[in-house]
Protein backbone atom coordinates (compact mmCIF):
# COMPACT_ATOMS: atom_id res chain seq x y z
CA MET A 1 25.12 29.51 13.22
CA ARG A 2 21.60 30.11 12.19
CA GLY A 3 22.54 29.18 8.81
CA GLU A 4 24.10 25.93 10.01
CA ILE A 5 20.70 25.39 11.79
CA CYS A 6 18.85 25.97 8.63
CA ILE A 7 21.06 23.74 6.68
CA GLY A 8 21.09 21.00 9.41
CA SER A 9 17.34 20.91 9.62
CA ALA A 10 16.59 20.79 5.84
CA SER A 11 18.81 17.99 5.52
CA PHE A 12 17.42 16.27 8.66
CA LEU A 13 13.90 16.42 7.24
CA SER A 14 14.77 15.08 3.90
CA PHE A 15 16.78 12.59 5.26
CA VAL A 16 13.52 11.55 7.22
CA ALA A 17 11.61 11.48 4.24
CA LEU A 18 13.95 9.44 2.28
CA LEU A 19 13.86 6.85 5.15
CA LEU A 20 9.83 6.70 5.35
CA CYS A 21 10.06 6.08 1.75
CA ILE A 22 12.48 3.00 2.12
CA PHE A 23 10.30 1.56 4.73
CA MET A 24 7.22 2.02 2.67
CA HIS A 25 8.94 0.23 -0.37
CA VAL A 26 10.15 -2.69 1.62
CA GLY A 27 6.88 -3.32 2.77
CA GLN A 28 5.36 -7.31 1.94
CA ILE A 29 8.63 -8.16 0.02
CA ASN A 30 8.61 -11.21 2.51
CA THR A 31 7.21 -12.35 5.77
CA SER A 32 9.82 -11.53 7.99
CA THR A 33 9.22 -8.89 10.81
CA ILE A 34 9.49 -5.48 9.36
CA PRO A 35 8.08 -6.12 5.77
CA ARG A 36 5.16 -8.13 7.07
CA GLY A 37 4.56 -5.05 9.27
CA ILE A 38 4.34 -2.66 6.57
CA ALA A 39 1.60 -2.77 3.77
CA MET A 40 -0.34 -0.39 1.43
CA ALA A 41 -3.54 -2.01 1.90
CA LYS A 42 -5.06 -4.65 4.18
CA VAL A 43 -7.77 -7.35 3.28
CA ASN A 44 -9.37 -9.40 5.84
CA VAL A 45 -11.57 -12.01 4.25
CA SER A 46 -11.70 -14.28 7.61
CA GLY A 47 -15.42 -13.81 7.90
CA TYR A 48 -16.21 -14.81 4.41
CA GLY A 49 -17.04 -18.50 5.09
CA ASN A 50 -19.59 -17.17 7.60
CA ALA A 51 -21.02 -15.33 5.12
CA LEU A 52 -21.35 -17.86 2.50
CA TYR A 53 -23.02 -20.40 5.17
CA ALA A 54 -25.41 -17.53 5.86
CA ALA A 55 -26.32 -17.38 1.87
CA LEU A 56 -26.33 -20.95 1.08
CA GLY A 57 -27.12 -22.49 4.14
CA ASP A 58 -24.77 -25.36 3.70
CA PRO A 59 -21.55 -26.24 5.67
CA ILE A 60 -18.71 -24.61 4.02
CA GLN A 61 -15.79 -26.96 3.14
CA GLY A 62 -12.39 -26.74 1.45
CA LEU A 63 -12.67 -22.82 1.24
CA TYR A 64 -9.75 -22.00 3.07
CA ALA A 65 -6.30 -23.38 2.81
CA SER A 66 -4.83 -25.43 5.38
CA ASN A 67 -1.38 -25.19 4.69
CA ALA A 68 0.00 -21.76 4.79
CA SER A 69 2.97 -22.25 2.55
CA ALA A 70 0.65 -23.30 -0.27
CA PRO A 71 1.00 -21.39 -3.74
CA LEU A 72 -0.93 -18.33 -4.38
CA GLY A 73 -3.03 -18.23 -7.42
CA ALA A 74 -3.32 -21.82 -7.52
CA GLU A 75 -6.82 -22.85 -6.24
CA ALA A 76 -5.06 -23.88 -3.21
CA GLY A 77 -7.66 -22.45 -0.59
CA LEU A 78 -8.30 -18.85 0.46
CA ARG A 79 -6.13 -17.13 3.13
CA ASN A 80 -7.48 -15.00 6.11
CA PHE A 81 -5.50 -12.08 5.35
CA TYR A 82 -4.01 -10.30 2.14
CA ASP A 83 -1.75 -7.66 2.77
CA TYR A 84 -0.12 -5.47 -0.12
CA GLY A 85 3.13 -3.85 -0.91
CA LEU A 86 4.45 -2.10 -3.77
CA TYR A 87 6.13 -5.19 -5.41
CA SER A 88 4.06 -8.09 -4.15
CA TYR A 89 1.58 -8.96 -1.87
CA CYS A 90 1.65 -11.58 0.90
CA ALA A 91 -1.32 -14.00 2.07
CA TYR A 92 -1.59 -15.31 5.83
CA LEU A 93 -3.74 -17.59 7.60
CA GLU A 94 -2.26 -15.99 10.81
CA PRO A 95 0.89 -13.88 10.62
CA PRO A 96 3.61 -14.93 10.48
CA GLN A 97 2.27 -18.14 8.65
CA GLY A 98 2.13 -16.80 5.23
CA ILE A 99 3.60 -16.66 1.67
CA CYS A 100 4.35 -13.93 -0.72
CA SER A 101 3.70 -13.58 -4.60
CA ASN A 102 6.53 -13.04 -6.96
CA HIS A 103 8.11 -9.54 -6.80
CA SER A 104 6.96 -7.24 -9.83
CA THR A 105 7.80 -3.72 -10.29
CA ALA A 106 4.46 -1.82 -9.62
CA ASN A 107 2.55 -4.56 -8.32
CA ARG A 108 -1.09 -4.33 -8.94
CA PHE A 109 -3.66 -3.82 -6.19
CA GLU A 110 -6.14 -6.59 -7.68
CA PRO A 111 -8.00 -8.04 -4.19
CA PHE A 112 -10.78 -9.68 -5.93
CA THR A 113 -8.57 -11.49 -8.38
CA ALA A 114 -6.26 -12.44 -5.96
CA MET A 115 -8.94 -13.96 -3.61
CA THR A 116 -10.85 -15.91 -6.41
CA SER A 117 -7.65 -17.05 -7.79
CA ASP A 118 -6.89 -19.17 -4.27
CA MET A 119 -10.54 -20.58 -4.09
CA ILE A 120 -11.03 -24.14 -4.80
CA GLY A 121 -13.46 -25.67 -7.12
CA ASN A 122 -16.50 -23.93 -7.54
CA TRP A 123 -16.27 -21.03 -4.80
CA SER A 124 -15.02 -18.37 -7.11
CA PHE A 125 -18.16 -19.15 -9.36
CA ILE A 126 -20.26 -18.75 -6.54
CA THR A 127 -18.47 -15.78 -5.12
CA GLU A 128 -18.54 -14.03 -8.51
CA GLY A 129 -22.48 -14.34 -8.27
CA LEU A 130 -22.58 -13.21 -4.55
CA ILE A 131 -20.68 -10.03 -4.86
CA PRO A 132 -22.50 -7.42 -6.91
CA SER A 133 -20.66 -5.26 -9.13
CA VAL A 134 -18.89 -3.06 -6.79
CA SER A 135 -15.72 -1.10 -7.33
CA PHE A 136 -14.02 -4.20 -5.19
CA ARG A 137 -14.57 -6.32 -8.25
CA ASN A 138 -13.13 -3.87 -10.77
CA SER A 139 -9.52 -5.01 -10.90
CA GLY A 140 -8.81 -3.50 -14.04
CA SER A 141 -9.56 0.11 -12.52
CA LEU A 142 -7.83 -0.66 -9.18
CA GLY A 143 -4.64 -2.34 -10.76
CA SER A 144 -4.37 0.64 -13.13
CA GLN A 145 -4.59 3.20 -10.41
CA SER A 146 -2.23 1.61 -8.16
CA ASN A 147 0.39 0.77 -10.85
CA SER A 148 0.33 4.66 -11.82
CA ALA A 149 0.63 5.74 -8.11
CA TYR A 150 3.65 3.46 -7.72
CA TYR A 151 5.52 5.24 -10.01
CA LEU A 152 4.97 8.62 -8.83
CA LEU A 153 6.03 7.22 -5.25
CA LEU A 154 9.07 6.01 -6.63
CA LEU A 155 9.95 9.32 -8.25
CA GLY A 156 8.92 11.04 -5.00
CA THR A 157 11.59 8.75 -3.38
CA ILE A 158 14.45 9.56 -5.78
CA CYS A 159 13.72 13.14 -5.60
CA ALA A 160 13.90 13.11 -1.68
CA GLY A 161 17.06 11.08 -2.12
CA LEU A 162 18.72 13.35 -4.41
CA ALA A 163 17.87 16.48 -2.26
CA PHE A 164 19.28 14.97 0.75
CA LEU A 165 22.57 13.96 -1.05
CA LEU A 166 23.03 17.54 -2.90
CA GLY A 167 22.19 19.14 0.15
CA MET A 168 25.20 17.82 1.78
CA ALA A 169 27.55 19.26 -0.47
CA LYS A 170 26.61 22.95 1.20
CA GLN A 171 26.97 25.06 -1.92
CA THR A 172 24.54 27.47 -3.06
CA ILE A 173 23.77 25.82 -6.45
CA THR A 174 23.32 22.49 -4.72
CA PHE A 175 20.83 24.07 -2.05
CA LEU A 176 18.95 25.53 -5.13
CA ALA A 177 19.02 21.72 -6.91
CA SER A 178 17.80 20.32 -3.54
CA SER A 179 14.90 23.14 -3.37
CA ILE A 180 13.66 22.24 -6.68
CA LEU A 181 14.06 18.59 -6.07
CA ALA A 182 12.00 18.83 -2.66
CA ILE A 183 9.30 20.43 -4.34
CA LEU A 184 9.08 17.92 -7.21
CA GLY A 185 9.30 14.90 -4.79
CA SER A 186 6.53 16.49 -2.67
CA ILE A 187 4.26 16.75 -5.68
CA PHE A 188 4.93 13.10 -6.76
CA LEU A 189 4.66 11.74 -3.09
CA LEU A 190 1.39 13.94 -3.02
CA ALA A 191 -0.08 12.50 -5.87
CA GLY A 192 1.05 9.00 -5.18
CA ALA A 193 -0.26 8.91 -1.73
CA ALA A 194 -3.41 10.55 -2.62
CA ILE A 195 -4.13 7.94 -5.44
CA TRP A 196 -3.13 4.99 -3.36
CA THR A 197 -5.70 6.29 -0.61
CA ALA A 198 -8.48 6.90 -2.85
CA VAL A 199 -7.87 3.41 -4.56
CA VAL A 200 -8.10 1.68 -1.22
CA HIS A 201 -11.22 3.82 -0.04
CA LYS A 202 -12.84 2.71 -3.13
CA ALA A 203 -12.22 -0.69 -2.97
CA ALA A 204 -13.70 -0.76 0.68
CA SER A 205 -17.10 -0.15 -0.60
CA VAL A 206 -17.23 -4.00 -0.03
CA ASN A 207 -16.94 -3.46 3.57
CA ASP A 208 -20.76 -2.42 3.95
CA LEU A 209 -22.00 -5.26 1.78
CA VAL A 210 -24.48 -7.90 3.60
CA VAL A 211 -25.89 -11.43 2.51
CA GLY A 212 -28.78 -13.79 3.90
CA SER A 213 -32.30 -12.44 4.47
CA SER A 214 -33.20 -8.92 4.81
CA SER A 215 -34.57 -9.64 8.45
CA SER A 216 -31.37 -11.11 9.51
CA PRO A 217 -28.57 -9.78 7.54
CA THR A 218 -24.95 -11.38 7.71
CA PRO A 219 -22.04 -9.01 6.88
CA LEU A 220 -20.05 -10.39 3.78
CA GLY A 221 -17.03 -10.85 5.76
CA ILE A 222 -14.43 -9.08 3.46
CA THR A 223 -13.02 -5.80 4.84
CA ILE A 224 -10.28 -3.43 3.29
CA SER A 225 -8.21 -0.97 5.36
CA VAL A 226 -5.66 1.41 4.69
CA GLY A 227 -2.29 0.08 5.36
CA ASN A 228 0.52 2.02 7.30
CA GLY A 229 2.51 2.08 4.12
CA ILE A 230 0.15 4.87 2.78
CA TYR A 231 0.43 6.55 6.30
CA LEU A 232 4.31 6.54 5.68
CA ALA A 233 4.00 8.17 2.26
CA TRP A 234 1.95 10.92 3.68
CA ALA A 235 4.40 11.47 6.66
CA ALA A 236 7.22 11.56 3.88
CA PHE A 237 5.54 13.91 1.82
CA ALA A 238 4.87 16.36 4.87
CA CYS A 239 8.73 16.18 5.79
CA LEU A 240 9.63 16.85 2.30
CA VAL A 241 7.42 19.68 2.29
CA VAL A 242 8.53 21.40 5.37
CA SER A 243 12.30 20.91 4.21
CA ILE A 244 11.61 23.09 1.41
CA LEU A 245 11.67 26.44 3.14
CA PRO A 246 15.10 25.97 4.99
CA TYR A 247 16.62 24.68 1.72
CA MET A 248 15.31 27.81 -0.02
CA THR A 249 16.62 29.91 2.63
CA SER A 250 20.04 28.21 2.63
CA CYS A 251 19.98 28.81 -1.11
CA CYS A 252 19.58 32.61 -0.70
CA THR A 253 21.59 33.17 2.35
CA TYR A 254 24.52 30.72 2.37
CA ARG A 255 28.09 31.86 1.82
CA GLY A 256 30.60 28.75 1.62
């Protein structure tokens, strides 16, 4: 009976880890309810117009898009919110009014590039002069690191899935294989989640920037925060780590 409980708990934990990874992967693939609610990183630029007004002193016209379905990266206007998933990013005037970019494997996290490519006329030129050389502007570094993190998370997802499937076979050799896969998957998920967390916190240095006079500073109006997709990755890592012990115990004690 104890052996069945051990086997069942290992299978349950690896299945939960796999399920969490699947939800992480579907974030921002489209604007429907579940994908829209999951993102690796969230960028709010709704206050940027106020910052431009404080810096320039002139009315800000044509900065934001009026059509939520206008194409991305075509100078059709800035959106209020940009949410990043592993395969694409979506931009919204107000959720669910938005549009997603083309899907690509290992979608790169490049918020500054996405933001300026949506700006009309000379707003992108002004923005480049207004925002100093902080990590937020380093699209090459942010994109490269998020790209690498994707493959680590993908490998972790595959390992979690294989650990669950092999563990269902209830053989000593399959429990051994599940133990090894759970260990490898935990390492991959840990590395991928850590890199994504570091990338978002690095880009979030823009949150503290201000414009205007020193006597009356105005926040830049761009804020970056960790999305719940990263929390799903950390939770999947925790579940897979905990599954290692019952898998190893089953490997050493199970008699089929």
